[in-house]
């Protein structure tokens, strides 16, 4: 059939084939025959050219010490610190590559920065320490009310504390802070047959013949906020209280209270060898009548110096405190039994 678009008769269609397309066999691995391998080997040069590698991967032959490292003296040497300056080029001999030069340069810059930072901090700022509490005037805690004394005639023991703490002043009950050991020591020593609560302080004279007062009446956070002068001023008032209620024993709750009483009586501080816990000599009785006519045969109250019951007082171990208070407790149990038999 003749086509209107072609001149001459139309050619017959050719058979389908893969010629002209991608031939996969041209890209497949073909193992070389022995003859082919020998021919290719004879064409290669005798000395092959070295492989081209990135200069970043070139490493020196041997260990490279850290540049400009400062050597500190050892524990037993005692010699001053010596600075050792090394470079990568010196450690590796004549071999010097861009990589080693770059590392040496960066090490020197790092050392310079370290020197600058250490030089600026030769005098480090000292840590801020907590300042110990010092004297606080009465106006500091003027908003807190003083604690009333717990006094009654013919007491078995009159306890003399330093001054009311903040928790005591707020609650209105003596030795009210949870960390204070006063109530626990009263029970463990035998002075009270059971553990009492601070809210029972006003019932102590009726229940067990116990009273309480302080050498300083104003409250404070701790004893360091009081001055020796105001403690010494409270000694005379304390003598009058003892003289008025005439207890059998005055228990000084804390070494500093007895030191103040001793300082007023003797005009000097008590020496270390003169101080002792426990019973004091009869010459140190408190509340001694001023004249024999009003004494009625009473020679004053015996003095027993006990440890402080404050939770901040850690000079003595708990076992030592228990031992000292137990000595007073044994006397208290014996006298209470004698009073019971006499009544």
Protein backbone atom coordinates (compact mmCIF):
# COMPACT_ATOMS: atom_id res chain seq x y z
CA UNK A 1 0.00 0.00 0.00
CA UNK A 2 1.39 3.37 -0.93
CA UNK A 3 1.58 6.05 1.77
CA UNK A 4 0.71 9.63 0.95
CA UNK A 5 3.58 10.81 3.17
CA UNK A 6 6.43 8.74 1.74
CA UNK A 7 7.70 8.38 -1.76
CA UNK A 8 8.00 4.93 -3.00
CA UNK A 9 6.67 1.77 -1.57
CA UNK A 10 6.47 1.43 2.28
CA UNK A 11 9.29 -0.67 3.78
CA UNK A 12 8.62 -3.77 5.80
CA UNK A 13 8.92 -3.38 9.68
CA UNK A 14 12.12 -4.73 11.24
CA UNK A 15 12.19 -7.41 13.89
CA UNK A 16 12.43 -6.23 17.57
CA UNK A 17 15.93 -6.26 19.17
CA UNK A 18 17.87 -4.81 22.26
CA UNK A 19 20.39 -3.00 20.11
CA UNK A 20 20.75 0.64 21.11
CA UNK A 21 19.73 0.02 24.73
CA UNK A 22 21.87 -0.31 27.91
CA UNK A 23 23.83 -3.54 27.74
CA UNK A 24 24.32 -4.90 31.32
CA UNK A 25 26.92 -7.42 30.29
CA UNK A 26 29.30 -4.59 29.48
CA UNK A 27 29.32 -3.64 33.19
CA UNK A 28 29.61 -7.10 34.72
CA UNK A 29 32.86 -8.30 36.34
CA UNK A 30 34.97 -10.40 34.04
CA UNK A 31 37.87 -12.27 35.69
CA UNK A 32 41.05 -11.83 33.74
CA UNK A 33 42.74 -14.84 32.27
CA UNK A 34 46.42 -15.56 33.15
CA UNK A 35 47.53 -14.27 29.76
CA UNK A 36 45.60 -11.05 30.20
CA UNK A 37 46.93 -10.50 33.76
CA UNK A 38 50.55 -11.00 32.62
CA UNK A 39 50.10 -8.55 29.78
CA UNK A 40 48.64 -5.88 32.06
CA UNK A 41 51.43 -6.37 34.62
CA UNK A 42 54.12 -5.88 31.98
CA UNK A 43 52.54 -2.57 30.99
CA UNK A 44 52.63 -1.14 34.61
CA UNK A 45 55.72 0.86 35.74
CA UNK A 46 58.25 -0.71 38.12
CA UNK A 47 57.71 1.88 40.95
CA UNK A 48 54.04 2.59 41.53
CA UNK A 49 53.14 6.16 42.41
CA UNK A 50 51.99 6.71 46.02
CA UNK A 51 48.33 7.06 46.73
CA UNK A 52 47.07 10.56 47.11
CA UNK A 53 45.80 11.17 50.65
CA UNK A 54 44.21 14.15 52.30
CA UNK A 55 46.71 16.24 54.33
CA UNK A 56 44.24 16.16 57.23
CA UNK A 57 44.85 12.42 57.62
CA UNK A 58 48.62 12.69 57.76
CA UNK A 59 49.77 11.75 61.27
CA UNK A 60 53.31 11.97 62.67
CA UNK A 61 55.31 8.84 63.28
CA UNK A 62 55.26 8.54 67.06
CA UNK A 63 53.42 10.04 70.02
CA UNK A 64 52.88 13.78 70.09
CA UNK A 65 52.90 15.28 73.62
CA UNK A 66 50.46 18.00 74.53
CA UNK A 67 52.02 21.39 73.79
CA UNK A 68 52.98 23.74 76.63
CA UNK A 69 51.82 21.54 79.48
CA UNK A 70 52.53 22.83 82.99
CA UNK A 71 54.03 20.29 85.37
CA UNK A 72 52.86 20.62 88.98
CA UNK A 73 55.01 19.48 91.92
CA UNK A 74 54.25 16.09 93.41
CA UNK A 75 53.19 15.38 96.99
CA UNK A 76 56.66 14.49 98.17
CA UNK A 77 58.85 16.53 95.81
CA UNK A 78 58.47 19.97 97.26
CA UNK A 79 60.14 21.52 94.19
CA UNK A 80 58.60 24.49 92.40
CA UNK A 81 56.49 23.86 89.34
CA UNK A 82 58.38 23.75 86.04
CA UNK A 83 56.81 24.56 82.72
CA UNK A 84 57.74 22.27 79.82
CA UNK A 85 57.24 23.72 76.35
CA UNK A 86 57.19 21.16 73.56
CA UNK A 87 56.01 21.22 70.01
CA UNK A 88 54.88 18.48 67.71
CA UNK A 89 57.77 19.16 65.35
CA UNK A 90 60.40 18.66 68.05
CA UNK A 91 58.85 15.39 69.18
CA UNK A 92 58.61 13.96 65.67
CA UNK A 93 62.04 14.92 64.38
CA UNK A 94 62.17 16.39 60.89
CA UNK A 95 58.66 15.26 60.00
CA UNK A 96 56.40 18.30 59.89
CA UNK A 97 53.02 18.26 58.28
CA UNK A 98 50.25 20.82 58.02
CA UNK A 99 48.30 18.79 60.57
CA UNK A 100 51.06 18.91 63.20
CA UNK A 101 51.66 22.61 62.60
CA UNK A 102 47.99 23.34 63.03
CA UNK A 103 47.79 21.31 66.23
CA UNK A 104 50.87 23.08 67.63
CA UNK A 105 49.43 26.49 66.82
CA UNK A 106 46.09 25.66 68.36
CA UNK A 107 47.83 24.28 71.46
CA UNK A 108 49.82 27.50 71.90
CA UNK A 109 46.66 29.57 71.59
CA UNK A 110 44.90 27.35 74.12
CA UNK A 111 47.82 27.64 76.52
CA UNK A 112 47.79 31.42 76.18
CA UNK A 113 44.11 31.51 77.02
CA UNK A 114 44.67 29.28 80.04
CA UNK A 115 47.50 31.47 81.25
CA UNK A 116 45.35 34.54 80.89
CA UNK A 117 42.46 33.01 82.78
CA UNK A 118 44.69 31.65 85.53
CA UNK A 119 46.57 34.90 85.81
CA UNK A 120 43.40 36.87 86.33
CA UNK A 121 42.30 34.53 89.14
CA UNK A 122 45.50 34.43 91.17
CA UNK A 123 43.54 35.85 94.11
CA UNK A 124 40.27 33.87 94.10
CA UNK A 125 37.34 35.43 95.87
CA UNK A 126 36.98 33.84 99.30
CA UNK A 127 33.81 31.94 100.05
CA UNK A 128 31.22 33.82 102.00
CA UNK A 129 31.14 32.47 105.51
CA UNK A 130 28.17 32.66 107.81
CA UNK A 131 28.80 35.30 110.41
CA UNK A 132 28.28 34.15 113.99
CA UNK A 133 25.45 35.79 115.85
CA UNK A 134 26.60 38.61 118.10
CA UNK A 135 24.99 40.81 120.71
CA UNK A 136 21.40 41.81 119.99
CA UNK A 137 19.91 44.73 121.94
CA UNK A 138 16.60 44.28 123.77
CA UNK A 139 14.79 46.22 121.05
CA UNK A 140 15.45 43.37 118.59
CA UNK A 141 12.88 41.14 120.27
CA UNK A 142 10.82 43.79 122.01
CA UNK A 143 7.68 42.38 120.36
CA UNK A 144 8.06 39.15 122.36
CA UNK A 145 6.82 38.98 125.93
CA UNK A 146 9.10 37.69 128.72
CA UNK A 147 8.22 34.46 130.48
CA UNK A 148 6.83 34.59 134.00
CA UNK A 149 8.75 32.75 136.69
CA UNK A 150 7.34 29.50 138.06
CA UNK A 151 7.92 29.93 141.79
CA UNK A 152 6.36 28.48 144.92
CA UNK A 153 7.46 28.13 148.55
CA UNK A 154 9.35 25.07 149.72
CA UNK A 155 10.29 23.79 146.26
CA UNK A 156 12.37 20.66 145.90
CA UNK A 157 14.39 22.02 142.95
CA UNK A 158 14.44 25.48 141.38
CA UNK A 159 15.85 25.38 137.83
CA UNK A 160 17.75 28.47 136.66
CA UNK A 161 18.00 28.85 132.89
CA UNK A 162 19.89 31.39 130.81
CA UNK A 163 16.97 33.23 129.19
CA UNK A 164 13.86 32.38 127.16
CA UNK A 165 14.38 31.32 123.57
CA UNK A 166 12.24 32.56 120.70
CA UNK A 167 10.08 29.44 120.63
CA UNK A 168 9.60 29.66 124.38
CA UNK A 169 8.62 33.33 124.18
CA UNK A 170 6.12 32.70 121.38
CA UNK A 171 4.48 29.71 123.05
CA UNK A 172 4.60 31.03 126.61
CA UNK A 173 6.01 27.75 127.98
CA UNK A 174 9.55 27.06 129.17
CA UNK A 175 11.98 24.97 127.11
CA UNK A 176 9.42 24.71 124.31
CA UNK A 177 11.78 24.19 121.36
CA UNK A 178 11.60 20.59 120.05
CA UNK A 179 15.39 20.25 120.02
CA UNK A 180 15.71 21.20 123.70
CA UNK A 181 16.46 18.22 125.94
CA UNK A 182 15.13 19.67 129.20
CA UNK A 183 11.93 17.62 129.46
CA UNK A 184 13.62 14.44 128.26
CA UNK A 185 16.43 14.77 130.79
CA UNK A 186 13.95 15.39 133.60
CA UNK A 187 12.29 12.08 132.83
CA UNK A 188 15.41 10.00 132.06
CA UNK A 189 17.17 11.22 135.21
CA UNK A 190 14.20 10.39 137.47
CA UNK A 191 13.34 13.96 138.44
CA UNK A 192 9.88 13.41 136.95
CA UNK A 193 8.33 9.92 136.87
CA UNK A 194 6.96 10.49 133.37
CA UNK A 195 7.74 12.58 130.32
CA UNK A 196 6.04 15.94 130.70
CA UNK A 197 5.13 18.42 127.97
CA UNK A 198 6.11 22.12 127.95
CA UNK A 199 2.43 23.01 128.40
CA UNK A 200 2.57 21.42 131.88
CA UNK A 201 5.23 23.81 133.15
CA UNK A 202 2.79 25.68 135.44
CA UNK A 203 1.79 22.43 137.14
CA UNK A 204 5.33 21.40 138.09
CA UNK A 205 5.29 22.96 141.60
CA UNK A 206 2.08 21.16 142.53
CA UNK A 207 2.93 17.84 140.87
CA UNK A 208 6.64 17.41 141.61
CA UNK A 209 7.84 20.41 143.65
CA UNK A 210 9.79 21.92 140.74
CA UNK A 211 10.12 25.58 139.73
CA UNK A 212 11.81 27.60 137.01
CA UNK A 213 13.38 31.01 136.49
CA UNK A 214 16.12 32.63 134.35
CA UNK A 215 19.14 34.78 135.03
CA UNK A 216 18.09 37.09 132.14
CA UNK A 217 14.40 37.69 131.56
CA UNK A 218 14.39 39.01 127.99
CA UNK A 219 14.16 36.53 125.09
CA UNK A 220 16.80 36.08 122.39
CA UNK A 221 17.70 33.64 119.66
CA UNK A 222 20.67 32.20 121.58
CA UNK A 223 23.03 33.01 124.41
CA UNK A 224 25.53 34.84 122.21
CA UNK A 225 23.01 37.67 121.80
CA UNK A 226 23.28 38.44 125.52
CA UNK A 227 26.05 40.49 127.10
CA UNK A 228 28.05 39.50 130.16
CA UNK A 229 26.99 42.74 131.82
CA UNK A 230 23.28 41.96 131.75
CA UNK A 231 23.97 38.41 132.91
CA UNK A 232 25.94 39.74 135.87
CA UNK A 233 23.13 42.18 136.64
CA UNK A 234 20.69 39.29 136.94
CA UNK A 235 22.68 37.55 139.68
CA UNK A 236 21.40 39.78 142.51
CA UNK A 237 17.79 39.41 141.36
CA UNK A 238 18.32 35.66 141.23
CA UNK A 239 19.58 35.64 144.81
CA UNK A 240 16.44 37.49 145.92
CA UNK A 241 14.17 34.96 144.19
CA UNK A 242 15.94 32.05 145.90
CA UNK A 243 15.83 33.84 149.22
CA UNK A 244 12.10 34.40 148.82
CA UNK A 245 10.90 30.86 147.94
CA UNK A 246 13.66 28.93 149.76
CA UNK A 247 14.01 25.79 147.62
CA UNK A 248 16.11 22.89 148.83
CA UNK A 249 18.28 22.92 145.71
CA UNK A 250 19.05 25.36 142.91
CA UNK A 251 19.91 23.63 139.63
CA UNK A 252 22.00 25.82 137.30
CA UNK A 253 21.11 24.72 133.76
CA UNK A 254 24.29 25.60 131.89
CA UNK A 255 27.95 26.34 132.56
CA UNK A 256 27.79 29.99 131.44
CA UNK A 257 25.19 30.79 134.13
CA UNK A 258 27.42 29.50 136.91
CA UNK A 259 30.40 31.37 135.43
CA UNK A 260 28.41 34.60 135.70
CA UNK A 261 27.39 33.90 139.32
CA UNK A 262 30.99 33.06 140.21
CA UNK A 263 32.26 36.24 138.52
CA UNK A 264 29.91 38.44 140.58
CA UNK A 265 30.66 36.66 143.86
CA UNK A 266 34.44 36.43 143.55
CA UNK A 267 35.16 39.44 141.35
CA UNK A 268 36.96 37.35 138.71
CA UNK A 269 36.33 34.59 136.23
CA UNK A 270 36.32 31.00 137.35
CA UNK A 271 39.44 29.04 136.50
CA UNK A 272 39.32 25.84 134.53
CA UNK A 273 40.46 23.73 137.47
CA UNK A 274 37.87 25.40 139.73
CA UNK A 275 34.86 24.52 137.61
CA UNK A 276 33.04 21.21 137.96
CA UNK A 277 29.59 19.89 137.19
CA UNK A 278 27.45 18.51 139.98
CA UNK A 279 27.17 19.56 143.62
CA UNK A 280 29.07 22.67 144.73
CA UNK A 281 30.51 23.45 148.15
CA UNK A 282 28.19 24.66 150.90
CA UNK A 283 29.98 28.01 150.79
CA UNK A 284 28.41 28.54 147.36
CA UNK A 285 24.81 28.16 148.57
CA UNK A 286 22.36 30.62 147.02
CA UNK A 287 19.76 32.79 148.75
CA UNK A 288 21.60 32.87 152.04
CA UNK A 289 19.66 35.16 154.46
CA UNK A 290 21.21 38.58 155.01
CA UNK A 291 20.84 38.33 158.79
CA UNK A 292 20.63 35.40 161.17
CA UNK A 293 17.36 36.56 162.76
CA UNK A 294 15.39 36.12 159.53
CA UNK A 295 17.13 32.90 158.55
CA UNK A 296 15.03 30.60 160.71
CA UNK A 297 17.79 28.05 160.56
CA UNK A 298 17.89 28.05 156.76
CA UNK A 299 21.45 28.20 155.39
CA UNK A 300 20.51 28.76 151.75
CA UNK A 301 19.87 26.40 148.85
CA UNK A 302 22.47 23.90 147.73
CA UNK A 303 23.78 24.46 144.21
CA UNK A 304 23.92 21.78 141.54
CA UNK A 305 25.49 22.76 138.19
CA UNK A 306 24.02 20.76 135.32
CA UNK A 307 24.70 20.83 131.61
CA UNK A 308 22.86 23.04 129.18
CA UNK A 309 19.84 21.37 127.59
CA UNK A 310 19.94 23.46 124.42
CA UNK A 311 20.13 21.55 121.16
CA UNK A 312 23.04 23.80 120.13
CA UNK A 313 25.19 22.72 123.10
CA UNK A 314 27.35 19.89 121.75
CA UNK A 315 30.40 20.15 124.01
CA UNK A 316 29.45 17.06 126.00
CA UNK A 317 28.22 13.75 124.66
CA UNK A 318 24.65 12.63 125.41
CA UNK A 319 25.94 9.90 127.74
CA UNK A 320 27.87 12.47 129.79
CA UNK A 321 24.82 14.69 130.06
CA UNK A 322 22.74 11.73 131.20
CA UNK A 323 25.29 10.87 133.87
CA UNK A 324 25.39 14.41 135.29
CA UNK A 325 21.61 14.77 135.36
CA UNK A 326 21.19 11.30 136.83
CA UNK A 327 23.17 12.38 139.89
CA UNK A 328 20.57 15.07 140.58
CA UNK A 329 17.75 12.66 139.77
CA UNK A 330 18.90 10.13 142.36
CA UNK A 331 18.91 12.82 145.04
CA UNK A 332 15.47 14.04 143.90
CA UNK A 333 13.95 10.55 144.10
CA UNK A 334 15.36 10.03 147.58
CA UNK A 335 14.14 13.39 148.91
CA UNK A 336 10.72 12.99 147.33
CA UNK A 337 10.33 9.62 149.05
CA UNK A 338 11.42 11.14 152.37
CA UNK A 339 8.90 13.93 152.00
CA UNK A 340 6.17 11.41 151.21
CA UNK A 341 6.91 9.43 154.36
CA UNK A 342 7.01 12.58 156.47
CA UNK A 343 3.60 13.71 155.27
